Amino acid sequence: MRLLYSKGAGKYSLTREFAADEDVPAYAILSHTWIDGQEVTFEDIRGGGGRGKSGYNKINFFAQQANKDGLEYFWVDACCIDKSNPAELQEAIKSMFRRYQNAAKCYVYLLNVSKAGGRDMSQQEFRQSPWFTRPMQHRQTTAAEDKAYALLGIFGVEMNLRCGEGYPSASKQLEEKIGQLNSCLRDLRITDPRHDKQRIEETKGGLLDGVYRWILENPDFQKWHDNKEDRLLWIKGDPGKGKTMLLCGIINELESSISRIDLLSYFFCQATDSRINSATSLLCGLLSILINRQPLLISHITKKHDLAGRAIFEDSNAWFALTEVFMNILQDSRLTNTYFIIDALDECRTDLHRLSYFTALSSSRASPRVKWIISSCHLPDIEEGLQKAQFKVQVGLEFNSASVSATVHFYIEHSVPELSRAKQYKEVERRDVMKLLISHAANTFLWVAIVCLRLRQEPRRRLPAILKESPDGLDALYDQMLQQVGASRDCDLLKQILAVIKTAYRPITIRELSRLNAEIAEMIDDTNAVKEY
């Protein structure tokens, strides 16, 4: 893609074509009607001619308006495309929709419309202007096949343009391309990370603004956000410290603040869910959101999918196929500023080291328009892999204990009133619960959530005992829970259930559990009784 810029004194020049790994500067684009023989062409700009054409005045006006809006560059189809190059012309036609979509400003040049003459006259001139009366504004085309070609950008598909092929042939080709695209998208979709995010937030009781706000004001986060060179942000900390909700908050903030043409894709790893605990499922999830937001990028996948089908996402070579596709997309000139966010990388159960290394490599070698955020616990495989990243910023939650402590306190202050209403605690009981949670939580959200769940499930009369028994910290709380299992009258059954859950390849349903345990099978018709375990 080339852009026009002013050299002063009514002279213009073209930029060189922007390479795939370069940012295209902000530009304005012109929507106008052509007058045969009067439009300034690519050759005119290259040779310094065309000044006697009426179209030159149009470009002068366009340049002045762009300058008023603070834009140095602008694009006009008549003179920015080398129409003597068939490949360039075809690519320009296929990309036209995106060029208008990605422009900072779009100006409409209305021929024969003046400022003078009053409101009624202006409305009449508007209606009679060639821009409004041309076939394109009335969904008409001069060539029959153009009716199909005009939909390429909207549907995000690419196909060969054959002049004179007619509408039936072009329409059939378009339908086939859309069918291939939809088939590829279905096979790519292992999960929808957007739904995973909603489920996680609901499971954790909703996303509270006060729980994540501190990270946005953190100097290291701001350094990553503001500096083009810092492409990878690693947020690391012990389990239960709130990393997932931090990333949910960051995602929401980026979605509301980035440019409409910028891209955001994310994935939530969960070790207990086989759909989303592997390196290949992570790459598929990131690609599915990315392509949903920039459909033209799917061409990198369909090249392989058209030959192999779903196997490219599932067979033993899936990792190599997906990483090749991913790197090709990162080098695509159509990729605008893009953010990839991965939560709980440590919960990836297959190819963790390989995935860590690939993330570091892609953040260092790929387009400077791409930035990454990763959260994880401290694991040697991740540490070793991410060491390869040349431009990374780290936020260790242990080194931000004051901020984490304040947000845990905020979470407690939100949770206790809700718990007190549900259990009808007296004021003194509410204060005792608040005091326990603040003093014993050890800056761990998960500890607070587990204790609150226990208080909600136990009879109110058990409150004093629970307050007295609850230990400090998450490890001690887990030990206590396992000891309680061992002391229970249902110890053997609980151990069997725990063993099944631990060894199952994926989370199982109650009915599936009943097929593996005879005692549970006897209670299968009483779902509530089973859930008590």
Protein backbone atom coordinates (compact mmCIF):
# COMPACT_ATOMS: atom_id res chain seq x y z
CA MET A 1 0.00 0.00 0.00
CA ARG A 2 1.31 3.44 -0.97
CA LEU A 3 0.20 6.77 0.44
CA LEU A 4 0.27 10.32 -0.89
CA TYR A 5 1.88 13.20 0.94
CA SER A 6 2.34 16.88 0.13
CA LYS A 7 5.76 18.28 -0.80
CA GLY A 8 4.44 21.83 -0.61
CA ALA A 9 3.59 24.31 -3.38
CA GLY A 10 0.87 22.00 -4.68
CA LYS A 11 3.27 19.14 -5.38
CA TYR A 12 2.72 15.57 -4.22
CA SER A 13 4.70 12.38 -3.93
CA LEU A 14 4.05 8.73 -3.16
CA THR A 15 5.56 6.79 -0.30
CA ARG A 16 7.22 3.50 -1.07
CA GLU A 17 5.09 0.42 -0.55
CA PHE A 18 4.89 -0.45 3.13
CA ALA A 19 6.42 -3.80 4.00
CA ALA A 20 4.62 -6.46 6.00
CA ASP A 21 6.51 -5.71 9.22
CA GLU A 22 5.96 -1.95 9.09
CA ASP A 23 3.22 0.18 10.60
CA VAL A 24 1.11 2.09 8.09
CA PRO A 25 0.86 5.66 9.41
CA ALA A 26 -2.54 7.20 10.06
CA TYR A 27 -4.09 8.32 6.80
CA ALA A 28 -7.21 9.87 5.30
CA ILE A 29 -9.05 8.30 2.38
CA LEU A 30 -11.14 9.92 -0.36
CA SER A 31 -14.49 8.70 -1.66
CA HIS A 32 -15.22 10.44 -4.95
CA THR A 33 -16.54 10.10 -8.48
CA TRP A 34 -14.30 9.88 -11.50
CA ILE A 35 -14.35 12.09 -14.59
CA ASP A 36 -12.89 10.37 -17.64
CA GLY A 37 -9.52 11.81 -18.58
CA GLN A 38 -9.50 14.27 -15.67
CA GLU A 39 -8.28 12.08 -12.80
CA VAL A 40 -4.67 12.35 -11.62
CA THR A 41 -3.07 8.95 -12.21
CA PHE A 42 -0.22 6.96 -10.69
CA GLU A 43 1.94 7.91 -13.67
CA ASP A 44 1.07 11.61 -13.22
CA ILE A 45 2.28 11.61 -9.62
CA ARG A 46 5.45 9.70 -10.51
CA GLY A 47 6.24 12.02 -13.41
CA GLY A 48 5.13 15.27 -11.82
CA GLY A 49 2.31 15.78 -14.34
CA GLY A 50 -1.47 16.07 -14.25
CA ARG A 51 -1.63 19.63 -12.95
CA GLY A 52 -3.90 20.68 -15.81
CA LYS A 53 -6.55 18.09 -14.92
CA SER A 54 -9.61 19.05 -12.87
CA GLY A 55 -8.83 16.14 -10.56
CA TYR A 56 -5.72 17.99 -9.36
CA ASN A 57 -7.91 20.59 -7.64
CA LYS A 58 -9.68 17.74 -5.89
CA ILE A 59 -6.38 16.43 -4.52
CA ASN A 60 -5.37 19.93 -3.40
CA PHE A 61 -8.63 20.26 -1.48
CA PHE A 62 -8.19 16.77 -0.02
CA ALA A 63 -4.63 17.50 1.13
CA GLN A 64 -5.70 20.74 2.81
CA GLN A 65 -8.52 19.00 4.68
CA ALA A 66 -6.24 16.18 5.83
CA ASN A 67 -3.72 18.74 7.06
CA LYS A 68 -6.45 20.50 9.08
CA ASP A 69 -7.20 17.16 10.74
CA GLY A 70 -3.53 16.61 11.57
CA LEU A 71 -2.96 13.87 8.98
CA GLU A 72 0.18 13.94 6.87
CA TYR A 73 -0.76 11.07 4.57
CA PHE A 74 -3.79 10.34 2.41
CA TRP A 75 -4.95 7.78 -0.13
CA VAL A 76 -6.75 8.26 -3.45
CA ASP A 77 -7.54 5.22 -5.56
CA ALA A 78 -6.95 7.03 -8.87
CA CYS A 79 -3.28 7.77 -8.23
CA CYS A 80 -2.09 5.42 -5.46
CA ILE A 81 -2.55 2.19 -7.44
CA ASP A 82 -0.28 1.15 -10.29
CA LYS A 83 -2.98 -0.14 -12.63
CA SER A 84 -0.37 -1.34 -15.12
CA ASN A 85 0.50 -4.07 -12.60
CA PRO A 86 -2.34 -6.68 -12.72
CA ALA A 87 -1.34 -8.30 -9.42
CA GLU A 88 -1.28 -4.96 -7.61
CA LEU A 89 -4.60 -3.92 -9.12
CA GLN A 90 -6.30 -7.16 -8.09
CA GLU A 91 -4.90 -6.94 -4.57
CA ALA A 92 -6.09 -3.32 -4.30
CA ILE A 93 -9.61 -4.29 -5.36
CA LYS A 94 -9.74 -7.14 -2.85
CA SER A 95 -8.38 -4.91 -0.08
CA MET A 96 -10.56 -1.86 -0.80
CA PHE A 97 -13.01 -2.59 2.00
CA ARG A 98 -10.19 -2.81 4.56
CA ARG A 99 -8.48 0.34 3.30
CA TYR A 100 -11.63 2.33 3.95
CA GLN A 101 -12.21 0.55 7.26
CA ASN A 102 -8.68 1.25 8.54
CA ALA A 103 -8.53 4.92 7.54
CA ALA A 104 -8.37 7.51 10.30
CA LYS A 105 -10.65 9.82 8.28
CA CYS A 106 -12.86 9.29 5.24
CA TYR A 107 -13.77 12.34 3.16
CA VAL A 108 -16.53 12.43 0.57
CA TYR A 109 -15.94 14.79 -2.37
CA LEU A 110 -19.29 16.14 -3.55
CA LEU A 111 -18.98 17.62 -7.00
CA ASN A 112 -21.32 20.54 -7.85
CA VAL A 113 -22.34 21.13 -4.22
CA SER A 114 -21.66 24.65 -2.97
CA LYS A 115 -21.88 26.27 0.45
CA ALA A 116 -23.95 29.15 -0.91
CA GLY A 117 -27.63 29.04 -1.82
CA GLY A 118 -29.24 28.22 1.52
CA ARG A 119 -30.31 24.97 3.13
CA ASP A 120 -33.00 24.04 0.58
CA MET A 121 -30.63 24.57 -2.33
CA SER A 122 -27.89 22.52 -0.61
CA GLN A 123 -30.25 19.58 -0.07
CA GLN A 124 -31.26 19.68 -3.72
CA GLU A 125 -27.62 19.81 -4.81
CA PHE A 126 -26.82 16.91 -2.50
CA ARG A 127 -29.48 14.74 -4.09
CA GLN A 128 -28.30 15.64 -7.59
CA SER A 129 -24.59 15.26 -6.89
CA PRO A 130 -22.91 12.52 -8.98
CA TRP A 131 -21.67 10.90 -5.75
CA PHE A 132 -25.29 10.15 -4.77
CA THR A 133 -26.54 9.32 -8.26
CA ARG A 134 -23.74 6.97 -9.29
CA PRO A 135 -24.67 3.27 -9.56
CA MET A 136 -22.55 2.26 -6.54
CA GLN A 137 -24.70 4.28 -4.15
CA HIS A 138 -27.77 2.44 -5.43
CA ARG A 139 -26.13 -0.98 -5.15
CA GLN A 140 -25.73 -1.15 -8.93
CA THR A 141 -22.67 -2.29 -10.85
CA THR A 142 -21.47 -1.77 -14.40
CA ALA A 143 -20.21 -5.36 -14.70
CA ALA A 144 -22.50 -8.17 -13.53
CA GLU A 145 -19.76 -10.05 -11.66
CA ASP A 146 -18.97 -6.94 -9.60
CA LYS A 147 -22.11 -7.66 -7.54
CA ALA A 148 -20.23 -10.66 -6.13
CA TYR A 149 -16.80 -9.01 -6.01
CA ALA A 150 -18.22 -6.13 -3.96
CA LEU A 151 -18.90 -8.57 -1.09
CA LEU A 152 -15.35 -9.93 -0.75
CA GLY A 153 -14.23 -7.48 1.92
CA ILE A 154 -17.46 -7.75 3.90
CA PHE A 155 -17.26 -11.55 4.08
CA GLY A 156 -13.48 -11.51 4.52
CA VAL A 157 -12.75 -13.91 1.66
CA GLU A 158 -10.31 -13.81 -1.24
CA MET A 159 -10.82 -15.22 -4.73
CA ASN A 160 -9.59 -14.72 -8.26
CA LEU A 161 -11.22 -11.85 -10.15
CA ARG A 162 -12.05 -12.79 -13.74
CA CYS A 163 -13.27 -9.93 -15.88
CA GLY A 164 -16.37 -10.89 -17.86
CA GLU A 165 -17.12 -14.15 -16.03
CA GLY A 166 -20.67 -12.97 -15.23
CA TYR A 167 -22.63 -12.95 -12.00
CA PRO A 168 -23.67 -16.65 -11.81
CA SER A 169 -20.06 -17.84 -12.02
CA ALA A 170 -18.74 -15.17 -9.64
CA SER A 171 -21.57 -15.79 -7.17
CA LYS A 172 -20.94 -19.55 -7.18
CA GLN A 173 -17.24 -18.97 -6.58
CA LEU A 174 -18.06 -16.60 -3.71
CA GLU A 175 -20.44 -19.12 -2.08
CA GLU A 176 -17.80 -21.84 -2.31
CA LYS A 177 -15.21 -19.58 -0.67
CA ILE A 178 -17.61 -18.65 2.13
CA GLY A 179 -18.40 -22.35 2.66
CA GLN A 180 -14.70 -23.19 2.91
CA LEU A 181 -14.18 -20.34 5.36
CA ASN A 182 -17.06 -21.47 7.59
CA SER A 183 -15.82 -25.06 7.55
CA CYS A 184 -12.36 -23.90 8.58
CA LEU A 185 -13.75 -21.77 11.40
CA ARG A 186 -15.83 -24.69 12.74
CA ASP A 187 -12.81 -26.99 12.77
CA LEU A 188 -10.63 -24.32 14.39
CA ARG A 189 -13.11 -23.73 17.23
CA ILE A 190 -12.07 -25.96 20.12
CA THR A 191 -13.53 -23.45 22.56
CA ASP A 192 -14.68 -19.86 22.54
CA PRO A 193 -12.33 -18.02 24.94
CA ARG A 194 -14.91 -15.23 25.27
CA HIS A 195 -17.34 -17.71 26.82
CA ASP A 196 -14.56 -19.15 28.99
CA LYS A 197 -13.95 -15.65 30.32
CA GLN A 198 -17.63 -15.19 31.15
CA ARG A 199 -17.75 -18.57 32.89
CA ILE A 200 -14.64 -17.89 34.96
CA GLU A 201 -15.87 -14.47 36.05
CA GLU A 202 -19.25 -15.91 37.06
CA THR A 203 -17.63 -18.81 38.94
CA LYS A 204 -15.48 -16.37 40.90
CA GLY A 205 -18.47 -14.21 41.84
CA GLY A 206 -18.05 -11.51 39.20
CA LEU A 207 -15.26 -9.13 38.24
CA LEU A 208 -14.82 -6.29 40.73
CA ASP A 209 -13.24 -3.07 39.50
CA GLY A 210 -11.29 -2.63 42.73
CA VAL A 211 -9.63 -6.04 42.37
CA TYR A 212 -7.66 -5.24 39.21
CA ARG A 213 -7.47 -1.44 39.04
CA TRP A 214 -4.03 -1.31 40.68
CA ILE A 215 -2.31 -3.13 37.81
CA LEU A 216 -3.30 -0.38 35.36
CA GLU A 217 -1.42 2.14 37.49
CA ASN A 218 1.60 -0.11 38.03
CA PRO A 219 4.80 1.44 36.55
CA ASP A 220 5.88 -1.84 34.93
CA PHE A 221 2.48 -2.32 33.29
CA GLN A 222 2.52 1.25 32.02
CA LYS A 223 6.05 0.74 30.69
CA TRP A 224 4.87 -2.29 28.71
CA HIS A 225 1.77 -0.44 27.51
CA ASP A 226 3.50 2.78 26.45
CA ASN A 227 6.86 1.60 25.10
CA LYS A 228 6.86 0.11 21.64
CA GLU A 229 10.01 -1.89 22.41
CA ASP A 230 8.53 -3.71 25.42
CA ARG A 231 6.43 -6.37 23.75
CA LEU A 232 5.99 -9.01 26.47
CA LEU A 233 4.55 -8.52 29.96
CA TRP A 234 4.87 -11.46 32.35
CA ILE A 235 2.66 -11.32 35.46
CA LYS A 236 3.79 -14.04 37.86
CA GLY A 237 2.80 -15.06 41.35
CA ASP A 238 1.75 -17.92 43.62
CA PRO A 239 -1.62 -19.71 43.20
CA GLY A 240 -4.68 -17.87 44.45
CA LYS A 241 -3.17 -14.38 44.18
CA GLY A 242 -5.78 -13.12 41.69
CA LYS A 243 -3.83 -13.33 38.42
CA THR A 244 -6.84 -14.49 36.41
CA MET A 245 -9.05 -11.62 37.55
CA LEU A 246 -6.20 -9.19 36.85
CA LEU A 247 -6.13 -10.38 33.26
CA CYS A 248 -9.92 -10.28 32.96
CA GLY A 249 -9.76 -6.64 34.03
CA ILE A 250 -6.91 -5.86 31.62
CA ILE A 251 -8.89 -7.43 28.77
CA ASN A 252 -11.91 -5.27 29.57
CA GLU A 253 -9.79 -2.13 29.75
CA LEU A 254 -8.04 -2.84 26.44
CA GLU A 255 -11.32 -3.65 24.70
CA SER A 256 -12.71 -0.28 25.71
CA SER A 257 -9.59 1.77 24.99
CA ILE A 258 -7.83 0.45 21.88
CA SER A 259 -8.57 1.74 18.40
CA ARG A 260 -11.47 0.16 16.55
CA ILE A 261 -9.05 -1.33 14.02
CA ASP A 262 -6.70 -2.80 16.64
CA LEU A 263 -7.03 -6.48 17.56
CA LEU A 264 -7.25 -8.28 20.90
CA SER A 265 -7.17 -12.04 21.38
CA TYR A 266 -6.91 -14.06 24.60
CA PHE A 267 -7.00 -17.55 26.08
CA PHE A 268 -7.56 -19.00 29.56
CA CYS A 269 -5.70 -22.25 30.31
CA GLN A 270 -7.26 -24.62 32.84
CA ALA A 271 -5.45 -27.80 33.83
CA THR A 272 -8.69 -29.60 34.78
CA ASP A 273 -10.32 -29.09 31.37
CA SER A 274 -8.81 -31.12 28.53
CA ARG A 275 -10.27 -28.74 25.94
CA ILE A 276 -8.12 -25.86 27.11
CA ASN A 277 -4.98 -27.32 28.70
CA SER A 278 -2.74 -27.96 25.68
CA ALA A 279 -0.44 -25.84 23.56
CA THR A 280 -2.37 -26.56 20.35
CA SER A 281 -5.74 -25.67 21.89
CA LEU A 282 -4.21 -22.40 23.11
CA LEU A 283 -3.01 -21.49 19.61
CA CYS A 284 -6.38 -22.46 18.12
CA GLY A 285 -8.18 -20.29 20.68
CA LEU A 286 -6.00 -17.26 19.99
CA LEU A 287 -6.42 -17.71 16.24
CA SER A 288 -10.20 -18.11 16.44
CA ILE A 289 -10.73 -14.73 18.14
CA LEU A 290 -8.14 -13.04 15.94
CA ILE A 291 -9.75 -14.25 12.72
CA ASN A 292 -13.22 -13.44 13.98
CA ARG A 293 -12.05 -9.83 14.24
CA GLN A 294 -9.92 -9.76 11.07
CA PRO A 295 -11.43 -12.36 8.68
CA LEU A 296 -8.94 -11.83 5.84
CA LEU A 297 -6.23 -13.43 7.98
CA ILE A 298 -7.93 -16.81 7.65
CA SER A 299 -6.30 -17.21 4.24
CA HIS A 300 -3.16 -18.36 6.08
CA ILE A 301 -5.14 -21.26 7.58
CA THR A 302 -7.31 -22.18 4.61
CA LYS A 303 -4.20 -22.84 2.50
CA LYS A 304 -3.51 -25.83 4.78
CA HIS A 305 -7.10 -26.62 5.79
CA ASP A 306 -8.26 -26.99 2.17
CA LEU A 307 -5.72 -29.81 1.76
CA ALA A 308 -5.87 -31.60 5.13
CA GLY A 309 -9.13 -30.53 6.76
CA ARG A 310 -9.52 -30.73 10.52
CA ALA A 311 -6.40 -32.88 10.87
CA ILE A 312 -4.11 -29.85 10.80
CA PHE A 313 -5.52 -28.87 14.23
CA GLU A 314 -5.47 -32.35 15.78
CA ASP A 315 -2.86 -34.75 14.38
CA SER A 316 0.68 -35.30 15.65
CA ASN A 317 1.97 -32.47 13.46
CA ALA A 318 -0.62 -29.93 14.61
CA TRP A 319 1.91 -27.95 16.65
CA PHE A 320 4.17 -27.39 13.65
CA ALA A 321 1.30 -26.47 11.32
CA LEU A 322 -0.24 -24.03 13.81
CA THR A 323 3.00 -22.29 14.73
CA GLU A 324 3.82 -21.84 11.04
CA VAL A 325 0.37 -20.31 10.47
CA PHE A 326 0.75 -18.12 13.54
CA MET A 327 4.12 -16.73 12.48
CA ASN A 328 2.85 -16.04 8.96
CA ILE A 329 -0.09 -14.09 10.39
CA LEU A 330 2.22 -12.07 12.63
CA GLN A 331 4.14 -10.99 9.51
CA ASP A 332 1.00 -10.11 7.51
CA SER A 333 0.80 -6.43 6.58
CA ARG A 334 -2.96 -6.49 7.23
CA LEU A 335 -2.35 -7.19 10.92
CA THR A 336 -2.89 -3.96 12.82
CA ASN A 337 -1.77 -3.33 16.43
CA THR A 338 -2.53 -6.62 18.16
CA TYR A 339 -2.62 -7.78 21.79
CA PHE A 340 -2.38 -11.45 22.80
CA ILE A 341 -3.22 -12.36 26.42
CA ILE A 342 -2.65 -15.81 27.93
CA ASP A 343 -3.82 -16.61 31.45
CA ALA A 344 -2.41 -19.42 33.62
CA LEU A 345 0.27 -20.62 31.22
CA ASP A 346 1.46 -22.98 33.96
CA GLU A 347 -1.83 -24.93 33.60
CA CYS A 348 -0.91 -25.98 30.07
CA ARG A 349 -0.38 -29.73 30.41
CA THR A 350 1.25 -30.49 27.04
CA ASP A 351 4.24 -28.83 25.38
CA LEU A 352 4.57 -26.16 28.07
CA HIS A 353 8.29 -25.58 27.51
CA ARG A 354 7.81 -25.48 23.74
CA LEU A 355 4.92 -23.01 24.10
CA SER A 356 6.91 -20.76 26.45
CA TYR A 357 9.80 -20.67 23.99
CA PHE A 358 7.50 -19.97 21.03
CA THR A 359 5.81 -17.09 22.88
CA ALA A 360 9.19 -15.56 23.69
CA LEU A 361 10.40 -16.03 20.12
CA SER A 362 7.29 -14.55 18.51
CA SER A 363 7.34 -11.54 20.83
CA SER A 364 10.96 -10.85 19.86
CA ARG A 365 11.10 -11.60 16.15
CA ALA A 366 7.59 -10.89 14.91
CA SER A 367 5.97 -7.59 14.03
CA PRO A 368 6.57 -4.71 16.46
CA ARG A 369 2.84 -4.11 16.27
CA VAL A 370 2.23 -7.21 18.42
CA LYS A 371 2.27 -7.22 22.23
CA TRP A 372 1.80 -10.09 24.69
CA ILE A 373 0.65 -10.50 28.29
CA ILE A 374 1.20 -13.82 30.07
CA SER A 375 0.29 -14.80 33.62
CA SER A 376 1.61 -17.87 35.41
CA CYS A 377 2.96 -19.31 38.62
CA HIS A 378 6.72 -19.69 39.06
CA LEU A 379 7.77 -22.73 37.00
CA PRO A 380 11.29 -23.52 35.69
CA ASP A 381 9.96 -24.44 32.21
CA ILE A 382 8.25 -21.07 31.85
CA GLU A 383 11.18 -19.16 33.31
CA GLU A 384 13.61 -20.87 30.94
CA GLY A 385 11.38 -20.39 27.89
CA LEU A 386 10.59 -16.73 28.49
CA GLN A 387 14.27 -15.92 29.03
CA LYS A 388 14.52 -15.99 25.22
CA ALA A 389 12.30 -12.90 24.97
CA GLN A 390 14.44 -9.87 24.16
CA PHE A 391 11.91 -7.23 25.16
CA LYS A 392 9.99 -8.23 28.28
CA VAL A 393 8.69 -6.59 31.44
CA GLN A 394 7.90 -8.56 34.60
CA VAL A 395 5.38 -7.87 37.34
CA GLY A 396 5.96 -10.15 40.34
CA LEU A 397 3.00 -10.16 42.70
CA GLU A 398 5.33 -10.89 45.63
CA PHE A 399 7.10 -7.59 44.89
CA ASN A 400 3.74 -5.81 44.79
CA SER A 401 2.43 -7.22 48.07
CA ALA A 402 1.01 -3.89 49.22
CA SER A 403 -1.17 -3.63 46.12
CA VAL A 404 -2.24 -7.29 46.35
CA SER A 405 -3.02 -6.89 50.06
CA ALA A 406 -5.18 -3.84 49.37
CA THR A 407 -7.15 -5.65 46.68
CA VAL A 408 -7.65 -8.75 48.86
CA HIS A 409 -8.92 -6.40 51.58
CA PHE A 410 -11.30 -4.85 49.02
CA TYR A 411 -12.50 -8.34 48.03
CA ILE A 412 -13.15 -9.22 51.68
CA GLU A 413 -15.09 -6.00 52.25
CA HIS A 414 -17.25 -6.89 49.26
CA SER A 415 -17.74 -10.56 50.21
CA VAL A 416 -18.52 -10.31 53.94
CA PRO A 417 -21.68 -8.13 53.71
CA GLU A 418 -23.07 -10.48 51.06
CA LEU A 419 -22.25 -13.52 53.22
CA SER A 420 -23.70 -11.86 56.32
CA ARG A 421 -27.01 -11.19 54.58
CA ALA A 422 -27.22 -14.77 53.32
CA LYS A 423 -26.47 -16.27 56.77
CA GLN A 424 -28.25 -13.51 58.76
CA TYR A 425 -25.19 -12.83 60.92
CA LYS A 426 -25.41 -10.44 63.82
CA GLU A 427 -23.17 -7.38 63.73
CA VAL A 428 -20.66 -8.92 66.15
CA GLU A 429 -20.52 -12.08 64.01
CA ARG A 430 -19.98 -10.02 60.87
CA ARG A 431 -17.07 -8.22 62.54
CA ASP A 432 -15.54 -11.52 63.69
CA VAL A 433 -15.70 -12.93 60.14
CA MET A 434 -14.16 -9.76 58.74
CA LYS A 435 -11.36 -9.86 61.31
CA LEU A 436 -10.58 -13.53 60.58
CA LEU A 437 -10.43 -13.09 56.82
CA ILE A 438 -8.21 -10.02 56.98
CA SER A 439 -5.78 -11.52 59.49
CA HIS A 440 -5.48 -15.05 58.03
CA ALA A 441 -5.78 -14.62 54.24
CA ALA A 442 -2.05 -14.02 53.65
CA ASN A 443 -2.88 -11.89 50.60
CA THR A 444 -4.59 -14.84 48.88
CA PHE A 445 -7.95 -14.48 47.16
CA LEU A 446 -8.46 -18.24 46.94
CA TRP A 447 -8.11 -18.65 50.72
CA VAL A 448 -10.86 -16.06 51.24
CA ALA A 449 -13.11 -17.70 48.64
CA ILE A 450 -12.72 -21.20 50.17
CA VAL A 451 -13.41 -20.03 53.73
CA CYS A 452 -16.42 -17.97 52.61
CA LEU A 453 -17.79 -21.00 50.75
CA ARG A 454 -17.37 -23.14 53.85
CA LEU A 455 -19.12 -20.54 56.01
CA ARG A 456 -21.97 -20.39 53.51
CA GLN A 457 -22.39 -24.19 53.47
CA GLU A 458 -22.06 -24.86 57.23
CA PRO A 459 -24.87 -24.19 59.74
CA ARG A 460 -24.66 -20.79 61.41
CA ARG A 461 -24.13 -22.43 64.81
CA ARG A 462 -20.78 -23.73 63.51
CA LEU A 463 -19.45 -20.20 62.98
CA PRO A 464 -17.40 -19.93 66.23
CA ALA A 465 -15.74 -23.30 65.58
CA ILE A 466 -14.88 -22.46 61.97
CA LEU A 467 -13.42 -19.11 63.00
CA LYS A 468 -11.27 -20.88 65.58
CA GLU A 469 -10.19 -23.75 63.29
CA SER A 470 -9.33 -21.80 60.12
CA PRO A 471 -5.52 -21.82 59.65
CA ASP A 472 -3.32 -19.15 58.09
CA GLY A 473 -2.48 -19.46 54.40
CA LEU A 474 -3.57 -21.68 51.53
CA ASP A 475 -1.25 -24.66 52.12
CA ALA A 476 -2.38 -25.05 55.73
CA LEU A 477 -6.02 -24.76 54.65
CA TYR A 478 -5.58 -27.53 52.06
CA ASP A 479 -3.92 -29.76 54.70
CA GLN A 480 -6.84 -29.19 57.03
CA MET A 481 -9.37 -30.06 54.32
CA LEU A 482 -7.57 -33.34 53.56
CA GLN A 483 -7.39 -34.20 57.26
CA GLN A 484 -11.13 -33.63 57.51
CA VAL A 485 -11.64 -36.07 54.66
CA GLY A 486 -9.57 -38.65 56.54
CA ALA A 487 -11.59 -38.16 59.73
CA SER A 488 -14.96 -38.33 58.00
CA ARG A 489 -17.27 -41.33 58.35
CA ASP A 490 -17.42 -41.30 54.55
CA CYS A 491 -13.64 -41.35 54.28
CA ASP A 492 -13.40 -44.37 51.96
CA LEU A 493 -16.04 -43.05 49.56
CA LEU A 494 -14.54 -39.56 49.53
CA LYS A 495 -11.10 -40.99 48.77
CA GLN A 496 -12.54 -43.01 45.89
CA ILE A 497 -14.25 -39.91 44.48
CA LEU A 498 -11.05 -37.89 44.87
CA ALA A 499 -9.04 -40.61 43.12
CA VAL A 500 -11.46 -40.66 40.16
CA ILE A 501 -11.42 -36.87 39.85
CA LYS A 502 -7.63 -36.80 40.06
CA THR A 503 -7.04 -39.44 37.39
CA ALA A 504 -9.85 -38.56 34.96
CA TYR A 505 -8.67 -37.11 31.64
CA ARG A 506 -11.31 -34.37 31.86
CA PRO A 507 -13.89 -33.11 34.40
CA ILE A 508 -16.67 -35.68 34.75
CA THR A 509 -20.39 -35.39 35.40
CA ILE A 510 -22.25 -36.93 38.35
CA ARG A 511 -23.80 -39.53 36.05
CA GLU A 512 -20.36 -40.49 34.72
CA LEU A 513 -19.08 -40.75 38.30
CA SER A 514 -21.94 -43.13 39.13
CA ARG A 515 -20.71 -45.55 36.45
CA LEU A 516 -17.33 -45.67 38.18
CA ASN A 517 -18.57 -45.99 41.76
CA ALA A 518 -21.29 -48.39 42.91
CA GLU A 519 -22.20 -46.43 46.05
CA ILE A 520 -22.74 -43.25 44.04
CA ALA A 521 -24.75 -45.27 41.51
CA GLU A 522 -27.24 -46.19 44.23
CA MET A 523 -27.87 -42.48 44.88
CA ILE A 524 -27.92 -41.32 41.26
CA ASP A 525 -31.62 -40.49 41.35
CA ASP A 526 -31.04 -38.20 44.34
CA THR A 527 -28.75 -35.60 42.79
CA ASN A 528 -28.72 -33.38 45.87
CA ALA A 529 -27.47 -36.24 48.03
CA VAL A 530 -24.58 -36.86 45.64
CA LYS A 531 -23.70 -33.16 45.53
CA GLU A 532 -23.31 -33.15 49.33
CA TYR A 533 -20.12 -35.14 48.89
